[in-house]
Amino acid sequence: MAYVTRLKKEYKERIVAALSEEFGYSNVMQVPKLEKIVMSRGVGAAVADKKLIDHALDEMTMITGQKAVATLSKKDVAAFKLRKGMPIGAKVTLRGERMYEFLDRLVTSALPRVRDFQGIKATGFDGRGNYNLGVTEQIIFPEVNIDKINRINGMDITFVTSAETDKEAKSLLTELGLPFKKN
């Protein structure tokens, strides 16, 4: 039998039933699910120093367990000495088993390492069932060696769900373990 992540198994066994009961879904296929997690980081200082992109790619690869790709600028901006096609960021799109593994590590080990952590804000929903989370320091992830980083940077994490509304998406992400602040 193939390996199934803890969170995916919990989703199939417990969360589907809980969401069906909460929202009154008549079919299992109506239950919202997590489709992908996208991590991205802008490295604006990479215009002057090309090695910053390499460091960002290495860190994101180490954190996610999947190779990160550089994002390229779409147009010239003379004020920033930026040319079209220059690398100015990094991103990783996680799906399937790696997505659930990353979410599990984020909830159980990374987020509790944030200073004065009270929970994550519930205002990051976009109206279509997706949630955006900003992380200010990459050192909250245990995979990052603090001695080897040259600069503390933040990153954006986007949770893309199949939910129709923000309420359904929030219920799904709460059941998956994301600790939202109590209002």
N, C-alpha and C. Protein backbone atom coordinates (compact mmCIF):
# COMPACT_ATOMS: atom_id res chain seq x y z
N MET A 1 0.84 -1.19 0.00
CA MET A 1 0.00 0.00 0.00
C MET A 1 0.88 1.25 0.00
N ALA A 2 0.49 2.25 -0.75
CA ALA A 2 1.26 3.47 -0.88
C ALA A 2 1.13 4.33 0.38
N TYR A 3 2.12 5.18 0.56
CA TYR A 3 2.14 6.08 1.71
C TYR A 3 1.10 7.18 1.53
N VAL A 4 0.29 7.44 2.55
CA VAL A 4 -0.68 8.52 2.55
C VAL A 4 -0.35 9.44 3.72
N THR A 5 -0.25 10.73 3.46
CA THR A 5 0.10 11.66 4.53
C THR A 5 -0.98 11.70 5.59
N ARG A 6 -0.59 12.09 6.78
CA ARG A 6 -1.49 12.11 7.93
C ARG A 6 -2.66 13.06 7.69
N LEU A 7 -2.37 14.22 7.14
CA LEU A 7 -3.40 15.23 6.92
C LEU A 7 -4.39 14.82 5.82
N LYS A 8 -3.89 14.16 4.79
CA LYS A 8 -4.77 13.72 3.70
C LYS A 8 -5.70 12.61 4.20
N LYS A 9 -5.16 11.72 5.00
CA LYS A 9 -5.97 10.65 5.57
C LYS A 9 -7.05 11.23 6.49
N GLU A 10 -6.66 12.23 7.29
CA GLU A 10 -7.63 12.88 8.19
C GLU A 10 -8.70 13.61 7.38
N TYR A 11 -8.30 14.22 6.25
CA TYR A 11 -9.27 14.91 5.39
C TYR A 11 -10.31 13.92 4.88
N LYS A 12 -9.86 12.79 4.37
CA LYS A 12 -10.79 11.81 3.81
C LYS A 12 -11.69 11.18 4.86
N GLU A 13 -11.14 10.92 6.05
CA GLU A 13 -11.90 10.20 7.07
C GLU A 13 -12.80 11.10 7.91
N ARG A 14 -12.30 12.28 8.31
CA ARG A 14 -13.03 13.10 9.27
C ARG A 14 -13.55 14.41 8.68
N ILE A 15 -12.70 15.13 7.95
CA ILE A 15 -13.04 16.48 7.53
C ILE A 15 -14.16 16.50 6.50
N VAL A 16 -14.16 15.55 5.57
CA VAL A 16 -15.24 15.49 4.56
C VAL A 16 -16.59 15.34 5.24
N ALA A 17 -16.67 14.47 6.23
CA ALA A 17 -17.93 14.26 6.94
C ALA A 17 -18.33 15.51 7.73
N ALA A 18 -17.36 16.16 8.37
CA ALA A 18 -17.67 17.35 9.17
C ALA A 18 -18.17 18.50 8.29
N LEU A 19 -17.52 18.71 7.15
CA LEU A 19 -17.95 19.79 6.26
C LEU A 19 -19.30 19.47 5.60
N SER A 20 -19.53 18.20 5.27
CA SER A 20 -20.83 17.81 4.71
C SER A 20 -21.96 18.08 5.69
N GLU A 21 -21.69 17.79 6.95
CA GLU A 21 -22.70 18.03 7.98
C GLU A 21 -22.92 19.52 8.20
N GLU A 22 -21.82 20.30 8.19
CA GLU A 22 -21.91 21.74 8.47
C GLU A 22 -22.65 22.50 7.36
N PHE A 23 -22.35 22.18 6.10
CA PHE A 23 -22.92 22.93 4.99
C PHE A 23 -24.02 22.18 4.25
N GLY A 24 -24.31 20.95 4.64
CA GLY A 24 -25.41 20.19 4.06
C GLY A 24 -25.18 19.77 2.62
N TYR A 25 -23.96 19.32 2.31
CA TYR A 25 -23.68 18.85 0.96
C TYR A 25 -24.35 17.50 0.74
N SER A 26 -24.95 17.32 -0.43
CA SER A 26 -25.60 16.04 -0.72
C SER A 26 -24.65 15.06 -1.39
N ASN A 27 -23.55 15.57 -1.94
CA ASN A 27 -22.60 14.73 -2.66
C ASN A 27 -21.20 14.99 -2.11
N VAL A 28 -20.40 13.95 -2.05
CA VAL A 28 -19.03 14.08 -1.54
C VAL A 28 -18.19 15.00 -2.43
N MET A 29 -18.51 15.05 -3.72
CA MET A 29 -17.75 15.87 -4.65
C MET A 29 -17.99 17.37 -4.45
N GLN A 30 -19.03 17.75 -3.71
CA GLN A 30 -19.29 19.16 -3.43
C GLN A 30 -18.41 19.69 -2.30
N VAL A 31 -17.85 18.80 -1.51
CA VAL A 31 -17.05 19.22 -0.36
C VAL A 31 -15.78 19.90 -0.87
N PRO A 32 -15.49 21.12 -0.37
CA PRO A 32 -14.28 21.81 -0.82
C PRO A 32 -13.01 21.07 -0.41
N LYS A 33 -12.00 21.20 -1.25
CA LYS A 33 -10.71 20.57 -0.94
C LYS A 33 -9.60 21.54 -1.27
N LEU A 34 -8.44 21.26 -0.70
CA LEU A 34 -7.26 22.07 -0.95
C LEU A 34 -6.67 21.62 -2.28
N GLU A 35 -6.56 22.53 -3.25
CA GLU A 35 -6.06 22.16 -4.57
C GLU A 35 -4.56 22.34 -4.69
N LYS A 36 -4.04 23.48 -4.20
CA LYS A 36 -2.60 23.71 -4.27
C LYS A 36 -2.20 24.77 -3.26
N ILE A 37 -0.91 24.78 -2.95
CA ILE A 37 -0.31 25.81 -2.12
C ILE A 37 0.81 26.43 -2.93
N VAL A 38 0.77 27.76 -3.07
CA VAL A 38 1.79 28.47 -3.83
C VAL A 38 2.58 29.35 -2.87
N MET A 39 3.90 29.15 -2.83
CA MET A 39 4.78 30.01 -2.04
C MET A 39 5.53 30.90 -2.99
N SER A 40 5.58 32.20 -2.70
CA SER A 40 6.30 33.12 -3.56
C SER A 40 7.06 34.14 -2.71
N ARG A 41 8.13 34.62 -3.30
CA ARG A 41 8.96 35.60 -2.62
C ARG A 41 9.51 36.57 -3.66
N GLY A 42 9.35 37.84 -3.40
CA GLY A 42 9.94 38.85 -4.27
C GLY A 42 11.31 39.24 -3.74
N VAL A 43 12.27 39.31 -4.65
CA VAL A 43 13.63 39.68 -4.28
C VAL A 43 14.01 40.89 -5.13
N GLY A 44 13.54 42.06 -4.72
CA GLY A 44 13.78 43.26 -5.49
C GLY A 44 15.24 43.67 -5.53
N ALA A 45 16.00 43.33 -4.48
CA ALA A 45 17.41 43.69 -4.43
C ALA A 45 18.25 42.85 -5.39
N ALA A 46 17.63 41.86 -6.04
CA ALA A 46 18.37 40.99 -6.96
C ALA A 46 18.77 41.73 -8.24
N VAL A 47 18.24 42.92 -8.45
CA VAL A 47 18.64 43.72 -9.61
C VAL A 47 20.13 44.06 -9.49
N ALA A 48 20.55 44.36 -8.26
CA ALA A 48 21.96 44.72 -8.03
C ALA A 48 22.83 43.50 -7.79
N ASP A 49 22.31 42.48 -7.10
CA ASP A 49 23.12 41.31 -6.74
C ASP A 49 22.41 40.03 -7.18
N LYS A 50 22.94 39.36 -8.18
CA LYS A 50 22.31 38.17 -8.76
C LYS A 50 22.33 36.97 -7.80
N LYS A 51 23.22 36.95 -6.84
CA LYS A 51 23.32 35.81 -5.93
C LYS A 51 22.12 35.73 -4.98
N LEU A 52 21.43 36.84 -4.77
CA LEU A 52 20.27 36.83 -3.88
C LEU A 52 19.17 35.92 -4.42
N ILE A 53 19.02 35.86 -5.74
CA ILE A 53 18.03 34.96 -6.34
C ILE A 53 18.40 33.51 -6.05
N ASP A 54 19.69 33.18 -6.20
CA ASP A 54 20.14 31.81 -5.92
C ASP A 54 19.88 31.43 -4.48
N HIS A 55 20.14 32.34 -3.55
CA HIS A 55 19.88 32.06 -2.13
C HIS A 55 18.38 31.85 -1.88
N ALA A 56 17.56 32.69 -2.50
CA ALA A 56 16.11 32.57 -2.34
C ALA A 56 15.61 31.24 -2.90
N LEU A 57 16.11 30.86 -4.07
CA LEU A 57 15.71 29.58 -4.67
C LEU A 57 16.13 28.41 -3.79
N ASP A 58 17.35 28.46 -3.26
CA ASP A 58 17.84 27.37 -2.40
C ASP A 58 17.01 27.25 -1.13
N GLU A 59 16.69 28.39 -0.51
CA GLU A 59 15.91 28.36 0.73
C GLU A 59 14.50 27.82 0.49
N MET A 60 13.86 28.27 -0.58
CA MET A 60 12.51 27.80 -0.85
C MET A 60 12.50 26.32 -1.23
N THR A 61 13.53 25.88 -1.92
CA THR A 61 13.65 24.45 -2.25
C THR A 61 13.82 23.63 -0.97
N MET A 62 14.63 24.15 -0.05
CA MET A 62 14.88 23.45 1.21
C MET A 62 13.60 23.39 2.06
N ILE A 63 12.84 24.48 2.09
CA ILE A 63 11.63 24.55 2.91
C ILE A 63 10.54 23.62 2.37
N THR A 64 10.34 23.62 1.05
CA THR A 64 9.22 22.89 0.48
C THR A 64 9.54 21.46 0.06
N GLY A 65 10.80 21.18 -0.23
CA GLY A 65 11.16 19.85 -0.71
C GLY A 65 10.91 19.70 -2.20
N GLN A 66 10.69 20.81 -2.88
CA GLN A 66 10.46 20.81 -4.33
C GLN A 66 11.21 21.98 -4.92
N LYS A 67 11.80 21.79 -6.10
CA LYS A 67 12.64 22.83 -6.70
C LYS A 67 11.85 24.09 -6.99
N ALA A 68 12.39 25.21 -6.54
CA ALA A 68 11.77 26.51 -6.78
C ALA A 68 12.20 27.04 -8.15
N VAL A 69 11.37 27.88 -8.73
CA VAL A 69 11.70 28.50 -10.02
C VAL A 69 11.77 30.01 -9.84
N ALA A 70 12.63 30.64 -10.63
CA ALA A 70 12.77 32.09 -10.59
C ALA A 70 11.64 32.73 -11.39
N THR A 71 11.11 33.83 -10.87
CA THR A 71 10.11 34.58 -11.62
C THR A 71 10.81 35.75 -12.29
N LEU A 72 10.41 36.03 -13.52
CA LEU A 72 11.07 37.04 -14.33
C LEU A 72 10.22 38.30 -14.42
N SER A 73 10.87 39.44 -14.57
CA SER A 73 10.13 40.70 -14.72
C SER A 73 9.44 40.74 -16.07
N LYS A 74 8.27 41.35 -16.10
CA LYS A 74 7.48 41.37 -17.32
C LYS A 74 7.74 42.58 -18.19
N LYS A 75 8.27 43.66 -17.58
CA LYS A 75 8.54 44.86 -18.37
C LYS A 75 9.72 45.64 -17.79
N ASP A 76 10.21 46.60 -18.55
CA ASP A 76 11.31 47.45 -18.12
C ASP A 76 10.78 48.52 -17.16
N VAL A 77 11.57 48.79 -16.10
CA VAL A 77 11.28 49.91 -15.20
C VAL A 77 12.59 50.65 -15.02
N ALA A 78 12.71 51.78 -15.68
CA ALA A 78 13.98 52.51 -15.68
C ALA A 78 14.36 53.04 -14.31
N ALA A 79 13.38 53.44 -13.50
CA ALA A 79 13.67 53.99 -12.18
C ALA A 79 14.35 52.97 -11.27
N PHE A 80 14.05 51.68 -11.47
CA PHE A 80 14.64 50.63 -10.65
C PHE A 80 15.78 49.90 -11.34
N LYS A 81 16.19 50.38 -12.53
CA LYS A 81 17.23 49.74 -13.34
C LYS A 81 16.86 48.29 -13.64
N LEU A 82 15.61 48.06 -13.91
CA LEU A 82 15.08 46.73 -14.15
C LEU A 82 14.81 46.55 -15.64
N ARG A 83 15.23 45.43 -16.19
CA ARG A 83 14.99 45.11 -17.60
C ARG A 83 14.05 43.93 -17.70
N LYS A 84 13.33 43.86 -18.80
CA LYS A 84 12.41 42.76 -19.03
C LYS A 84 13.17 41.45 -19.07
N GLY A 85 12.66 40.44 -18.35
CA GLY A 85 13.28 39.13 -18.34
C GLY A 85 14.30 38.91 -17.23
N MET A 86 14.55 39.91 -16.40
CA MET A 86 15.49 39.73 -15.28
C MET A 86 14.80 38.97 -14.16
N PRO A 87 15.50 38.05 -13.48
CA PRO A 87 14.89 37.34 -12.34
C PRO A 87 14.73 38.28 -11.15
N ILE A 88 13.50 38.36 -10.61
CA ILE A 88 13.24 39.26 -9.47
C ILE A 88 12.46 38.56 -8.35
N GLY A 89 12.31 37.26 -8.42
CA GLY A 89 11.57 36.56 -7.38
C GLY A 89 11.71 35.05 -7.53
N ALA A 90 11.03 34.34 -6.64
CA ALA A 90 11.04 32.88 -6.66
C ALA A 90 9.67 32.37 -6.25
N LYS A 91 9.29 31.21 -6.79
CA LYS A 91 8.00 30.62 -6.40
C LYS A 91 8.06 29.11 -6.50
N VAL A 92 7.16 28.49 -5.74
CA VAL A 92 6.99 27.04 -5.74
C VAL A 92 5.49 26.76 -5.67
N THR A 93 5.02 25.84 -6.50
CA THR A 93 3.63 25.40 -6.45
C THR A 93 3.60 23.96 -5.97
N LEU A 94 2.94 23.72 -4.85
CA LEU A 94 2.87 22.39 -4.26
C LEU A 94 1.48 21.79 -4.48
N ARG A 95 1.46 20.54 -4.90
CA ARG A 95 0.20 19.81 -5.07
C ARG A 95 0.37 18.41 -4.49
N GLY A 96 -0.75 17.75 -4.23
CA GLY A 96 -0.72 16.34 -3.83
C GLY A 96 -0.09 16.10 -2.47
N GLU A 97 0.73 15.05 -2.40
CA GLU A 97 1.33 14.62 -1.13
C GLU A 97 2.24 15.70 -0.55
N ARG A 98 3.05 16.33 -1.40
CA ARG A 98 3.97 17.37 -0.90
C ARG A 98 3.20 18.54 -0.30
N MET A 99 2.05 18.86 -0.87
CA MET A 99 1.23 19.95 -0.37
C MET A 99 0.75 19.64 1.06
N TYR A 100 0.25 18.43 1.26
CA TYR A 100 -0.23 18.05 2.59
C TYR A 100 0.91 17.96 3.59
N GLU A 101 2.08 17.45 3.16
CA GLU A 101 3.25 17.39 4.04
C GLU A 101 3.68 18.79 4.46
N PHE A 102 3.73 19.72 3.49
CA PHE A 102 4.13 21.10 3.80
C PHE A 102 3.13 21.74 4.75
N LEU A 103 1.84 21.57 4.51
CA LEU A 103 0.82 22.16 5.38
C LEU A 103 0.94 21.61 6.80
N ASP A 104 1.20 20.32 6.91
CA ASP A 104 1.37 19.70 8.22
C ASP A 104 2.57 20.31 8.96
N ARG A 105 3.69 20.46 8.25
CA ARG A 105 4.89 21.06 8.87
C ARG A 105 4.66 22.53 9.20
N LEU A 106 3.93 23.25 8.36
CA LEU A 106 3.65 24.66 8.61
C LEU A 106 2.84 24.83 9.90
N VAL A 107 1.81 24.01 10.05
CA VAL A 107 0.91 24.13 11.19
C VAL A 107 1.55 23.63 12.49
N THR A 108 2.26 22.50 12.41
CA THR A 108 2.77 21.89 13.64
C THR A 108 4.11 22.44 14.11
N SER A 109 4.98 22.86 13.18
CA SER A 109 6.31 23.28 13.64
C SER A 109 6.70 24.70 13.26
N ALA A 110 6.25 25.23 12.12
CA ALA A 110 6.71 26.56 11.70
C ALA A 110 5.93 27.70 12.36
N LEU A 111 4.60 27.68 12.27
CA LEU A 111 3.81 28.78 12.83
C LEU A 111 3.98 28.95 14.34
N PRO A 112 4.12 27.87 15.13
CA PRO A 112 4.35 28.08 16.56
C PRO A 112 5.69 28.75 16.87
N ARG A 113 6.61 28.80 15.91
CA ARG A 113 7.91 29.44 16.13
C ARG A 113 7.87 30.94 15.88
N VAL A 114 6.74 31.47 15.42
CA VAL A 114 6.61 32.92 15.21
C VAL A 114 6.57 33.60 16.57
N ARG A 115 7.29 34.73 16.68
CA ARG A 115 7.31 35.46 17.95
C ARG A 115 5.92 35.99 18.29
N ASP A 116 5.52 35.86 19.55
CA ASP A 116 4.24 36.35 20.06
C ASP A 116 3.07 35.91 19.18
N PHE A 117 3.03 34.64 18.87
CA PHE A 117 2.02 34.12 17.95
C PHE A 117 0.67 34.03 18.62
N GLN A 118 -0.33 34.69 18.05
CA GLN A 118 -1.69 34.68 18.56
C GLN A 118 -2.64 33.93 17.64
N GLY A 119 -2.17 33.56 16.46
CA GLY A 119 -3.01 32.96 15.43
C GLY A 119 -2.87 33.78 14.17
N ILE A 120 -3.38 33.26 13.06
CA ILE A 120 -3.28 34.00 11.80
C ILE A 120 -4.57 34.76 11.55
N LYS A 121 -4.45 35.88 10.85
CA LYS A 121 -5.61 36.74 10.60
C LYS A 121 -6.58 36.06 9.64
N ALA A 122 -7.85 36.28 9.87
CA ALA A 122 -8.89 35.70 9.02
C ALA A 122 -9.29 36.65 7.90
N THR A 123 -8.52 37.71 7.68
CA THR A 123 -8.86 38.70 6.67
C THR A 123 -8.16 38.45 5.34
N GLY A 124 -7.45 37.36 5.20
CA GLY A 124 -6.68 37.11 3.99
C GLY A 124 -7.43 36.40 2.88
N PHE A 125 -8.75 36.29 2.99
CA PHE A 125 -9.54 35.61 1.96
C PHE A 125 -9.83 36.57 0.81
N ASP A 126 -9.91 36.05 -0.41
CA ASP A 126 -10.06 36.90 -1.59
C ASP A 126 -11.48 36.94 -2.14
N GLY A 127 -12.44 36.30 -1.52
CA GLY A 127 -13.81 36.31 -2.00
C GLY A 127 -14.15 35.13 -2.88
N ARG A 128 -13.15 34.37 -3.29
CA ARG A 128 -13.37 33.19 -4.14
C ARG A 128 -12.93 31.90 -3.46
N GLY A 129 -12.70 31.96 -2.16
CA GLY A 129 -12.35 30.75 -1.43
C GLY A 129 -10.86 30.48 -1.34
N ASN A 130 -10.02 31.46 -1.66
CA ASN A 130 -8.58 31.29 -1.53
C ASN A 130 -8.09 32.14 -0.37
N TYR A 131 -7.00 31.69 0.28
CA TYR A 131 -6.47 32.39 1.45
C TYR A 131 -5.01 32.73 1.23
N ASN A 132 -4.63 33.97 1.56
CA ASN A 132 -3.25 34.43 1.45
C ASN A 132 -2.69 34.70 2.83
N LEU A 133 -1.49 34.22 3.06
CA LEU A 133 -0.81 34.36 4.35
C LEU A 133 0.58 34.91 4.10
N GLY A 134 0.94 35.95 4.82
CA GLY A 134 2.28 36.50 4.70
C GLY A 134 3.13 36.08 5.87
N VAL A 135 4.33 35.60 5.59
CA VAL A 135 5.28 35.22 6.63
C VAL A 135 6.42 36.22 6.57
N THR A 136 6.75 36.85 7.71
CA THR A 136 7.75 37.92 7.70
C THR A 136 9.19 37.41 7.75
N GLU A 137 9.41 36.23 8.31
CA GLU A 137 10.77 35.70 8.43
C GLU A 137 10.80 34.26 7.97
N GLN A 138 11.79 33.90 7.15
CA GLN A 138 11.90 32.52 6.70
C GLN A 138 12.53 31.63 7.77
N ILE A 139 13.04 32.22 8.85
CA ILE A 139 13.71 31.41 9.86
C ILE A 139 12.74 30.66 10.77
N ILE A 140 11.42 30.87 10.58
CA ILE A 140 10.46 30.09 11.38
C ILE A 140 10.42 28.64 10.92
N PHE A 141 10.88 28.37 9.71
CA PHE A 141 10.89 26.99 9.21
C PHE A 141 12.11 26.27 9.76
N PRO A 142 11.93 25.09 10.35
CA PRO A 142 13.06 24.38 10.95
C PRO A 142 14.08 23.89 9.92
N GLU A 143 13.70 23.84 8.64
CA GLU A 143 14.65 23.36 7.61
C GLU A 143 15.73 24.40 7.31
N VAL A 144 15.48 25.65 7.62
CA VAL A 144 16.43 26.72 7.32
C VAL A 144 17.48 26.80 8.42
N ASN A 145 18.76 26.72 8.03
CA ASN A 145 19.85 26.85 8.97
C ASN A 145 20.11 28.34 9.18
N ILE A 146 19.94 28.81 10.39
CA ILE A 146 20.04 30.24 10.69
C ILE A 146 21.45 30.76 10.41
N ASP A 147 22.47 29.93 10.59
CA ASP A 147 23.85 30.36 10.37
C ASP A 147 24.16 30.60 8.90
N LYS A 148 23.42 29.96 8.00
CA LYS A 148 23.73 30.05 6.58
C LYS A 148 22.93 31.10 5.81
N ILE A 149 21.96 31.74 6.48
CA ILE A 149 21.19 32.74 5.75
C ILE A 149 21.96 34.06 5.75
N ASN A 150 21.83 34.79 4.63
CA ASN A 150 22.54 36.06 4.54
C ASN A 150 21.61 37.25 4.80
N ARG A 151 20.30 37.01 4.73
CA ARG A 151 19.34 38.10 4.86
C ARG A 151 17.98 37.52 5.26
N ILE A 152 17.30 38.19 6.18
CA ILE A 152 15.98 37.72 6.59
C ILE A 152 14.95 38.31 5.64
N ASN A 153 14.20 37.43 5.00
CA ASN A 153 13.17 37.82 4.04
C ASN A 153 11.86 37.16 4.40
N GLY A 154 10.79 37.74 3.93
CA GLY A 154 9.47 37.15 4.12
C GLY A 154 9.04 36.44 2.85
N MET A 155 7.85 35.86 2.91
CA MET A 155 7.29 35.20 1.73
C MET A 155 5.77 35.17 1.86
N ASP A 156 5.13 34.96 0.74
CA ASP A 156 3.68 34.85 0.71
C ASP A 156 3.30 33.40 0.45
N ILE A 157 2.30 32.93 1.17
CA ILE A 157 1.80 31.57 0.99
C ILE A 157 0.32 31.69 0.63
N THR A 158 -0.05 31.11 -0.51
CA THR A 158 -1.43 31.15 -0.97
C THR A 158 -2.02 29.75 -0.95
N PHE A 159 -3.16 29.60 -0.29
CA PHE A 159 -3.87 28.33 -0.23
C PHE A 159 -5.03 28.41 -1.21
N VAL A 160 -4.98 27.63 -2.28
CA VAL A 160 -6.03 27.64 -3.30
C VAL A 160 -6.96 26.46 -3.01
N THR A 161 -8.24 26.77 -2.78
CA THR A 161 -9.22 25.73 -2.47
C THR A 161 -10.29 25.69 -3.54
N SER A 162 -11.08 24.64 -3.54
CA SER A 162 -12.18 24.52 -4.48
C SER A 162 -13.48 25.07 -3.89
N ALA A 163 -13.38 25.76 -2.75
CA ALA A 163 -14.56 26.30 -2.07
C ALA A 163 -15.16 27.45 -2.87
N GLU A 164 -16.48 27.57 -2.80
CA GLU A 164 -17.18 28.64 -3.51
C GLU A 164 -17.14 29.95 -2.73
N THR A 165 -17.20 29.86 -1.41
CA THR A 165 -17.25 31.08 -0.58
C THR A 165 -16.10 31.07 0.42
N ASP A 166 -15.86 32.26 0.99
CA ASP A 166 -14.82 32.39 2.01
C ASP A 166 -15.18 31.63 3.28
N LYS A 167 -16.46 31.56 3.60
CA LYS A 167 -16.89 30.85 4.81
C LYS A 167 -16.56 29.35 4.71
N GLU A 168 -16.83 28.77 3.54
CA GLU A 168 -16.51 27.36 3.33
C GLU A 168 -15.00 27.14 3.38
N ALA A 169 -14.25 28.05 2.76
CA ALA A 169 -12.79 27.92 2.75
C ALA A 169 -12.22 28.04 4.16
N LYS A 170 -12.77 28.96 4.95
CA LYS A 170 -12.28 29.12 6.32
C LYS A 170 -12.56 27.86 7.14
N SER A 171 -13.74 27.29 6.96
CA SER A 171 -14.07 26.05 7.67
C SER A 171 -13.12 24.93 7.28
N LEU A 172 -12.83 24.81 5.98
CA LEU A 172 -11.91 23.79 5.49
C LEU A 172 -10.52 23.97 6.10
N LEU A 173 -9.99 25.20 6.03
CA LEU A 173 -8.64 25.45 6.53
C LEU A 173 -8.57 25.32 8.05
N THR A 174 -9.65 25.65 8.75
CA THR A 174 -9.68 25.46 10.20
C THR A 174 -9.64 23.97 10.54
N GLU A 175 -10.41 23.19 9.79
CA GLU A 175 -10.41 21.73 10.01
C GLU A 175 -9.04 21.13 9.68
N LEU A 176 -8.34 21.69 8.69
CA LEU A 176 -7.01 21.20 8.35
C LEU A 176 -5.95 21.61 9.37
N GLY A 177 -6.30 22.54 10.27
CA GLY A 177 -5.40 22.85 11.37
C GLY A 177 -4.85 24.26 11.39
N LEU A 178 -5.20 25.13 10.44
CA LEU A 178 -4.69 26.49 10.47
C LEU A 178 -5.30 27.22 11.67
N PRO A 179 -4.45 27.82 12.52
CA PRO A 179 -4.95 28.45 13.75
C PRO A 179 -5.37 29.91 13.51
N PHE A 180 -6.63 30.13 13.17
CA PHE A 180 -7.13 31.49 12.97
C PHE A 180 -7.35 32.18 14.31
N LYS A 181 -7.15 33.52 14.31
CA LYS A 181 -7.39 34.30 15.53
C LYS A 181 -8.87 34.28 15.87
N LYS A 182 -9.16 34.30 17.16
CA LYS A 182 -10.54 34.40 17.61
C LYS A 182 -10.90 35.88 17.63
N ASN A 183 -11.98 36.26 16.96
CA ASN A 183 -12.37 37.67 16.91
C ASN A 183 -13.10 38.09 18.14
